[in-house]
Amino acid sequence: MSAYPGQLASGLGPSNIVVVNLPMSPYWGVTPNYALGIICTLSIGALLTYSVQVTGDQVPTPTGNWNNHDTLVALSSSANGNIAFPVTGLRLNVTTYSAGSINLAVVQWP
């Protein structure tokens, strides 16, 4: 199991990007396991709304093509989720902010 560097957001807008290193399959036509765990943790007293966003762009950039995660969207509390399909990057997008911070952790298995 590997963990990617976490991202901390404490203001409006998108966080830095967590670039996902996709495993390469040694066999043509065999899909490798892309299972990612996503953990979003708000600080005590945080007052904010956020969404997790994903991209499939070959090289993820702040101005690239970003979509909201299917379930980790418009949240104001800590939450967990997963991704079982290939993505090349993830980020937080804070849409309302009054106080506190949110941390995005991404773990890949196996």
C-alpha atoms as a PDB file:
ATOM      1  CA  MET A   1       0.000   0.000   0.000  1.00  0.00           C
ATOM      2  CA  SER A   2       1.242   3.488  -0.778  1.00  0.00           C
ATOM      3  CA  ALA A   3       0.147   6.909   0.449  1.00  0.00           C
ATOM      4  CA  TYR A   4       0.397  10.056  -1.628  1.00  0.00           C
ATOM      5  CA  PRO A   5       1.440  13.399  -0.116  1.00  0.00           C
ATOM      6  CA  GLY A   6      -1.549  14.986   1.630  1.00  0.00           C
ATOM      7  CA  GLN A   7      -3.022  18.339   0.694  1.00  0.00           C
ATOM      8  CA  LEU A   8      -4.198  20.933   3.207  1.00  0.00           C
ATOM      9  CA  ALA A   9      -6.666  23.661   2.243  1.00  0.00           C
ATOM     10  CA  SER A  10      -7.514  26.622   4.480  1.00  0.00           C
ATOM     11  CA  GLY A  11      -9.166  29.095   2.127  1.00  0.00           C
ATOM     12  CA  LEU A  12     -11.367  29.386  -0.948  1.00  0.00           C
ATOM     13  CA  GLY A  13     -10.482  27.672  -4.220  1.00  0.00           C
ATOM     14  CA  PRO A  14      -8.674  24.531  -5.325  1.00  0.00           C
ATOM     15  CA  SER A  15      -5.807  22.914  -3.428  1.00  0.00           C
ATOM     16  CA  ASN A  16      -2.587  21.676  -4.924  1.00  0.00           C
ATOM     17  CA  ILE A  17      -2.957  18.547  -7.038  1.00  0.00           C
ATOM     18  CA  VAL A  18      -2.298  15.000  -5.850  1.00  0.00           C
ATOM     19  CA  VAL A  19      -0.803  13.401  -8.974  1.00  0.00           C
ATOM     20  CA  VAL A  20      -1.648   9.690  -9.152  1.00  0.00           C
ATOM     21  CA  ASN A  21       1.044   7.417 -10.558  1.00  0.00           C
ATOM     22  CA  LEU A  22      -0.840   4.760 -12.477  1.00  0.00           C
ATOM     23  CA  PRO A  23       0.666   1.265 -12.269  1.00  0.00           C
ATOM     24  CA  MET A  24       1.633  -0.180 -15.631  1.00  0.00           C
ATOM     25  CA  SER A  25       0.298  -3.590 -16.547  1.00  0.00           C
ATOM     26  CA  PRO A  26       2.898  -6.055 -17.882  1.00  0.00           C
ATOM     27  CA  TYR A  27       0.141  -7.696 -19.981  1.00  0.00           C
ATOM     28  CA  TRP A  28      -1.670  -6.120 -22.900  1.00  0.00           C
ATOM     29  CA  GLY A  29      -5.415  -5.930 -22.200  1.00  0.00           C
ATOM     30  CA  VAL A  30      -5.144  -6.598 -18.452  1.00  0.00           C
ATOM     31  CA  THR A  31      -6.452  -3.739 -16.332  1.00  0.00           C
ATOM     32  CA  PRO A  32      -4.334  -3.108 -13.235  1.00  0.00           C
ATOM     33  CA  ASN A  33      -5.923  -2.281  -9.877  1.00  0.00           C
ATOM     34  CA  TYR A  34      -6.457   1.475  -9.453  1.00  0.00           C
ATOM     35  CA  ALA A  35      -8.163   1.295  -6.069  1.00  0.00           C
ATOM     36  CA  LEU A  36      -7.746   4.587  -4.197  1.00  0.00           C
ATOM     37  CA  GLY A  37      -8.982   5.438  -0.728  1.00  0.00           C
ATOM     38  CA  ILE A  38      -9.834   9.093  -0.074  1.00  0.00           C
ATOM     39  CA  ILE A  39      -9.977  10.554   3.436  1.00  0.00           C
ATOM     40  CA  CYS A  40     -11.073  14.160   4.010  1.00  0.00           C
ATOM     41  CA  THR A  41     -10.571  15.443   7.560  1.00  0.00           C
ATOM     42  CA  LEU A  42     -11.776  18.829   8.783  1.00  0.00           C
ATOM     43  CA  SER A  43     -10.014  20.588  11.636  1.00  0.00           C
ATOM     44  CA  ILE A  44     -11.901  21.172  14.875  1.00  0.00           C
ATOM     45  CA  GLY A  45     -14.220  24.147  14.438  1.00  0.00           C
ATOM     46  CA  ALA A  46     -13.872  24.251  10.646  1.00  0.00           C
ATOM     47  CA  LEU A  47     -16.664  26.082   8.833  1.00  0.00           C
ATOM     48  CA  LEU A  48     -16.285  25.376   5.128  1.00  0.00           C
ATOM     49  CA  THR A  49     -17.800  23.502   2.193  1.00  0.00           C
ATOM     50  CA  TYR A  50     -15.645  21.409  -0.113  1.00  0.00           C
ATOM     51  CA  SER A  51     -15.684  18.900  -2.955  1.00  0.00           C
ATOM     52  CA  VAL A  52     -13.081  16.385  -4.097  1.00  0.00           C
ATOM     53  CA  GLN A  53     -12.343  16.754  -7.792  1.00  0.00           C
ATOM     54  CA  VAL A  54     -10.721  14.277 -10.206  1.00  0.00           C
ATOM     55  CA  THR A  55      -9.126  14.493 -13.630  1.00  0.00           C
ATOM     56  CA  GLY A  56      -8.039  12.095 -16.334  1.00  0.00           C
ATOM     57  CA  ASP A  57      -5.776  14.623 -18.056  1.00  0.00           C
ATOM     58  CA  GLN A  58      -2.443  13.123 -19.086  1.00  0.00           C
ATOM     59  CA  VAL A  59      -0.674  15.858 -17.123  1.00  0.00           C
ATOM     60  CA  PRO A  60      -2.965  17.314 -14.422  1.00  0.00           C
ATOM     61  CA  THR A  61      -2.851  21.134 -14.278  1.00  0.00           C
ATOM     62  CA  PRO A  62      -4.851  23.675 -12.251  1.00  0.00           C
ATOM     63  CA  THR A  63      -6.671  24.842 -15.404  1.00  0.00           C
ATOM     64  CA  GLY A  64      -7.284  21.335 -16.793  1.00  0.00           C
ATOM     65  CA  ASN A  65     -10.448  19.252 -16.968  1.00  0.00           C
ATOM     66  CA  TRP A  66     -11.795  18.670 -13.448  1.00  0.00           C
ATOM     67  CA  ASN A  67     -14.977  16.846 -12.389  1.00  0.00           C
ATOM     68  CA  ASN A  68     -16.493  16.536  -8.939  1.00  0.00           C
ATOM     69  CA  HIS A  69     -16.203  13.098  -7.319  1.00  0.00           C
ATOM     70  CA  ASP A  70     -19.526  11.232  -7.444  1.00  0.00           C
ATOM     71  CA  THR A  71     -20.145  11.293  -3.675  1.00  0.00           C
ATOM     72  CA  LEU A  72     -17.525  13.577  -2.086  1.00  0.00           C
ATOM     73  CA  VAL A  73     -19.200  16.793  -3.214  1.00  0.00           C
ATOM     74  CA  ALA A  74     -20.625  19.856  -1.392  1.00  0.00           C
ATOM     75  CA  LEU A  75     -19.652  18.516   2.055  1.00  0.00           C
ATOM     76  CA  SER A  76     -19.150  20.403   5.311  1.00  0.00           C
ATOM     77  CA  SER A  77     -17.891  17.546   7.512  1.00  0.00           C
ATOM     78  CA  SER A  78     -15.151  14.919   7.416  1.00  0.00           C
ATOM     79  CA  ALA A  79     -15.838  12.096   4.947  1.00  0.00           C
ATOM     80  CA  ASN A  80     -14.288   9.025   3.331  1.00  0.00           C
ATOM     81  CA  GLY A  81     -14.648   7.654  -0.181  1.00  0.00           C
ATOM     82  CA  ASN A  82     -12.904   5.691  -2.860  1.00  0.00           C
ATOM     83  CA  ILE A  83     -12.121   5.545  -6.561  1.00  0.00           C
ATOM     84  CA  ALA A  84     -12.163   2.230  -8.402  1.00  0.00           C
ATOM     85  CA  PHE A  85     -11.390   3.647 -11.855  1.00  0.00           C
ATOM     86  CA  PRO A  86      -8.274   5.257 -13.326  1.00  0.00           C
ATOM     87  CA  VAL A  87      -7.643   8.942 -12.605  1.00  0.00           C
ATOM     88  CA  THR A  88      -4.456  10.947 -12.982  1.00  0.00           C
ATOM     89  CA  GLY A  89      -5.077  13.542 -10.276  1.00  0.00           C
ATOM     90  CA  LEU A  90      -7.215  14.641  -7.334  1.00  0.00           C
ATOM     91  CA  ARG A  91      -7.652  17.923  -5.509  1.00  0.00           C
ATOM     92  CA  LEU A  92      -9.889  19.658  -2.990  1.00  0.00           C
ATOM     93  CA  ASN A  93     -12.049  22.575  -4.035  1.00  0.00           C
ATOM     94  CA  VAL A  94     -13.264  24.757  -1.159  1.00  0.00           C
ATOM     95  CA  THR A  95     -16.411  26.624  -2.231  1.00  0.00           C
ATOM     96  CA  THR A  96     -17.353  28.388   1.022  1.00  0.00           C
ATOM     97  CA  TYR A  97     -14.958  29.288   3.816  1.00  0.00           C
ATOM     98  CA  SER A  98     -15.249  30.923   7.244  1.00  0.00           C
ATOM     99  CA  ALA A  99     -12.685  29.114   9.405  1.00  0.00           C
ATOM    100  CA  GLY A 100     -10.453  26.065   9.822  1.00  0.00           C
ATOM    101  CA  SER A 101      -8.893  23.703   7.309  1.00  0.00           C
ATOM    102  CA  ILE A 102      -9.385  20.415   5.521  1.00  0.00           C
ATOM    103  CA  ASN A 103      -6.814  17.726   4.805  1.00  0.00           C
ATOM    104  CA  LEU A 104      -7.021  15.401   1.797  1.00  0.00           C
ATOM    105  CA  ALA A 105      -5.295  12.018   2.159  1.00  0.00           C
ATOM    106  CA  VAL A 106      -5.082   9.539  -0.754  1.00  0.00           C
ATOM    107  CA  VAL A 107      -4.009   5.912  -0.313  1.00  0.00           C
ATOM    108  CA  GLN A 108      -3.589   3.290  -3.046  1.00  0.00           C
ATOM    109  CA  TRP A 109      -3.860  -0.457  -2.540  1.00  0.00           C
ATOM    110  CA  PRO A 110      -2.674  -3.155  -2.855  1.00  0.00           C
END
